[in-house]
C-alpha atoms as a PDB file:
ATOM      1  CA  MET A   1     133.999-150.936   6.580  1.00  0.00           C
ATOM      2  CA  GLN A   2     131.889-154.047   6.257  1.00  0.00           C
ATOM      3  CA  PHE A   3     132.746-157.577   5.186  1.00  0.00           C
ATOM      4  CA  GLU A   4     130.112-160.232   4.511  1.00  0.00           C
ATOM      5  CA  LYS A   5     130.115-163.783   3.237  1.00  0.00           C
ATOM      6  CA  ILE A   6     127.482-164.267   0.514  1.00  0.00           C
ATOM      7  CA  ASN A   7     126.444-166.934  -1.966  1.00  0.00           C
ATOM      8  CA  LEU A   8     127.006-165.348  -5.373  1.00  0.00           C
ATOM      9  CA  LEU A   9     124.389-167.569  -7.019  1.00  0.00           C
ATOM     10  CA  GLY A  10     121.826-167.119  -4.242  1.00  0.00           C
ATOM     11  CA  ALA A  11     119.670-164.168  -3.287  1.00  0.00           C
ATOM     12  CA  MET A  12     121.713-161.072  -2.602  1.00  0.00           C
ATOM     13  CA  PRO A  13     121.213-159.769   0.937  1.00  0.00           C
ATOM     14  CA  PHE A  14     120.162-156.143   1.244  1.00  0.00           C
ATOM     15  CA  PHE A  15     123.111-153.807   1.466  1.00  0.00           C
ATOM     16  CA  GLU A  16     123.552-150.168   0.696  1.00  0.00           C
ATOM     17  CA  LYS A  17     125.332-149.764  -2.616  1.00  0.00           C
ATOM     18  CA  PHE A  18     129.089-150.229  -2.538  1.00  0.00           C
ATOM     19  CA  ASP A  19     131.892-147.868  -3.595  1.00  0.00           C
ATOM     20  CA  VAL A  20     134.085-150.826  -4.558  1.00  0.00           C
ATOM     21  CA  ILE A  21     133.520-154.555  -5.004  1.00  0.00           C
ATOM     22  CA  PHE A  22     136.413-157.005  -5.101  1.00  0.00           C
ATOM     23  CA  CYS A  23     135.547-160.295  -6.798  1.00  0.00           C
ATOM     24  CA  ARG A  24     138.965-161.623  -7.645  1.00  0.00           C
ATOM     25  CA  ASN A  25     139.615-165.001  -9.268  1.00  0.00           C
ATOM     26  CA  VAL A  26     136.163-166.383  -8.469  1.00  0.00           C
ATOM     27  CA  LEU A  27     134.064-166.035 -11.603  1.00  0.00           C
ATOM     28  CA  PHE A  28     136.118-168.387 -13.767  1.00  0.00           C
ATOM     29  CA  TYR A  29     134.838-171.297 -11.644  1.00  0.00           C
ATOM     30  CA  PHE A  30     131.268-170.677 -12.881  1.00  0.00           C
ATOM     31  CA  LYS A  31     129.619-171.517 -16.204  1.00  0.00           C
ATOM     32  CA  GLU A  32     129.401-168.483 -18.494  1.00  0.00           C
ATOM     33  CA  GLU A  33     125.640-168.083 -17.948  1.00  0.00           C
ATOM     34  CA  ASP A  34     126.197-168.032 -14.169  1.00  0.00           C
ATOM     35  CA  GLN A  35     129.069-165.577 -14.561  1.00  0.00           C
ATOM     36  CA  ILE A  36     126.659-163.198 -16.301  1.00  0.00           C
ATOM     37  CA  LYS A  37     124.093-163.573 -13.500  1.00  0.00           C
ATOM     38  CA  VAL A  38     126.706-162.882 -10.834  1.00  0.00           C
ATOM     39  CA  GLN A  39     128.067-159.863 -12.694  1.00  0.00           C
ATOM     40  CA  GLU A  40     124.542-158.445 -13.081  1.00  0.00           C
ATOM     41  CA  LYS A  41     123.971-158.808  -9.321  1.00  0.00           C
ATOM     42  CA  LEU A  42     127.279-157.201  -8.466  1.00  0.00           C
ATOM     43  CA  LEU A  43     126.697-154.262 -10.793  1.00  0.00           C
ATOM     44  CA  LYS A  44     123.270-153.608  -9.252  1.00  0.00           C
ATOM     45  CA  GLN A  45     125.004-153.324  -5.863  1.00  0.00           C
ATOM     46  CA  LEU A  46     127.682-150.928  -7.156  1.00  0.00           C
ATOM     47  CA  LYS A  47     127.254-147.147  -6.843  1.00  0.00           C
ATOM     48  CA  ASN A  48     127.566-144.978  -9.928  1.00  0.00           C
ATOM     49  CA  GLY A  49     131.238-144.041 -10.028  1.00  0.00           C
ATOM     50  CA  GLY A  50     132.085-147.179  -8.017  1.00  0.00           C
ATOM     51  CA  TYR A  51     134.733-149.724  -8.937  1.00  0.00           C
ATOM     52  CA  LEU A  52     134.509-153.418  -9.750  1.00  0.00           C
ATOM     53  CA  VAL A  53     137.803-155.264  -9.348  1.00  0.00           C
ATOM     54  CA  LEU A  54     138.091-158.702 -10.918  1.00  0.00           C
ATOM     55  CA  GLY A  55     140.973-161.152 -10.965  1.00  0.00           C
ATOM     56  CA  ASN A  56     143.308-161.842 -13.857  1.00  0.00           C
ATOM     57  CA  SER A  57     141.546-165.182 -14.402  1.00  0.00           C
ATOM     58  CA  ASP A  58     138.079-163.594 -14.606  1.00  0.00           C
ATOM     59  CA  LYS A  59     136.438-162.251 -17.751  1.00  0.00           C
ATOM     60  CA  LEU A  60     134.051-159.301 -17.755  1.00  0.00           C
ATOM     61  CA  LEU A  61     131.008-160.380 -19.770  1.00  0.00           C
ATOM     62  CA  ILE A  62     128.868-157.282 -19.144  1.00  0.00           C
ATOM     63  CA  THR A  63     130.426-154.090 -20.461  1.00  0.00           C
ATOM     64  CA  ASP A  64     127.429-151.760 -20.693  1.00  0.00           C
ATOM     65  CA  GLY A  65     127.779-148.900 -18.254  1.00  0.00           C
ATOM     66  CA  LEU A  66     131.361-149.752 -17.333  1.00  0.00           C
ATOM     67  CA  GLU A  67     134.597-147.988 -18.135  1.00  0.00           C
ATOM     68  CA  ASP A  68     137.904-149.882 -18.216  1.00  0.00           C
ATOM     69  CA  VAL A  69     140.275-147.999 -15.892  1.00  0.00           C
ATOM     70  CA  GLY A  70     143.043-150.545 -15.386  1.00  0.00           C
ATOM     71  CA  ILE A  71     143.920-154.179 -15.661  1.00  0.00           C
ATOM     72  CA  THR A  72     140.767-155.949 -14.410  1.00  0.00           C
ATOM     73  CA  VAL A  73     139.463-152.693 -12.831  1.00  0.00           C
ATOM     74  CA  TYR A  74     136.208-151.188 -14.080  1.00  0.00           C
ATOM     75  CA  LYS A  75     134.322-148.026 -13.126  1.00  0.00           C
ATOM     76  CA  LYS A  76     130.537-147.836 -13.243  1.00  0.00           C
ATOM     77  CA  LYS A  77     129.392-144.810 -15.252  1.00  0.00           C
END
């Protein structure tokens, strides 16, 4: 298990792709255009079949390649 602190608007450090990414109740603080950029970065880091978990306050703006599997839980196809 690995935990890292990263700047969501900055360059993404190199990691192997993740099985699950938790980004709960963070995105709603950003402008919509920045939310899209952050979501694109996160999805690039997510394995196929991996899960993206957002908070109830966050809105998924990129739906291509994602399957809704629960409240604020999405699976990458």
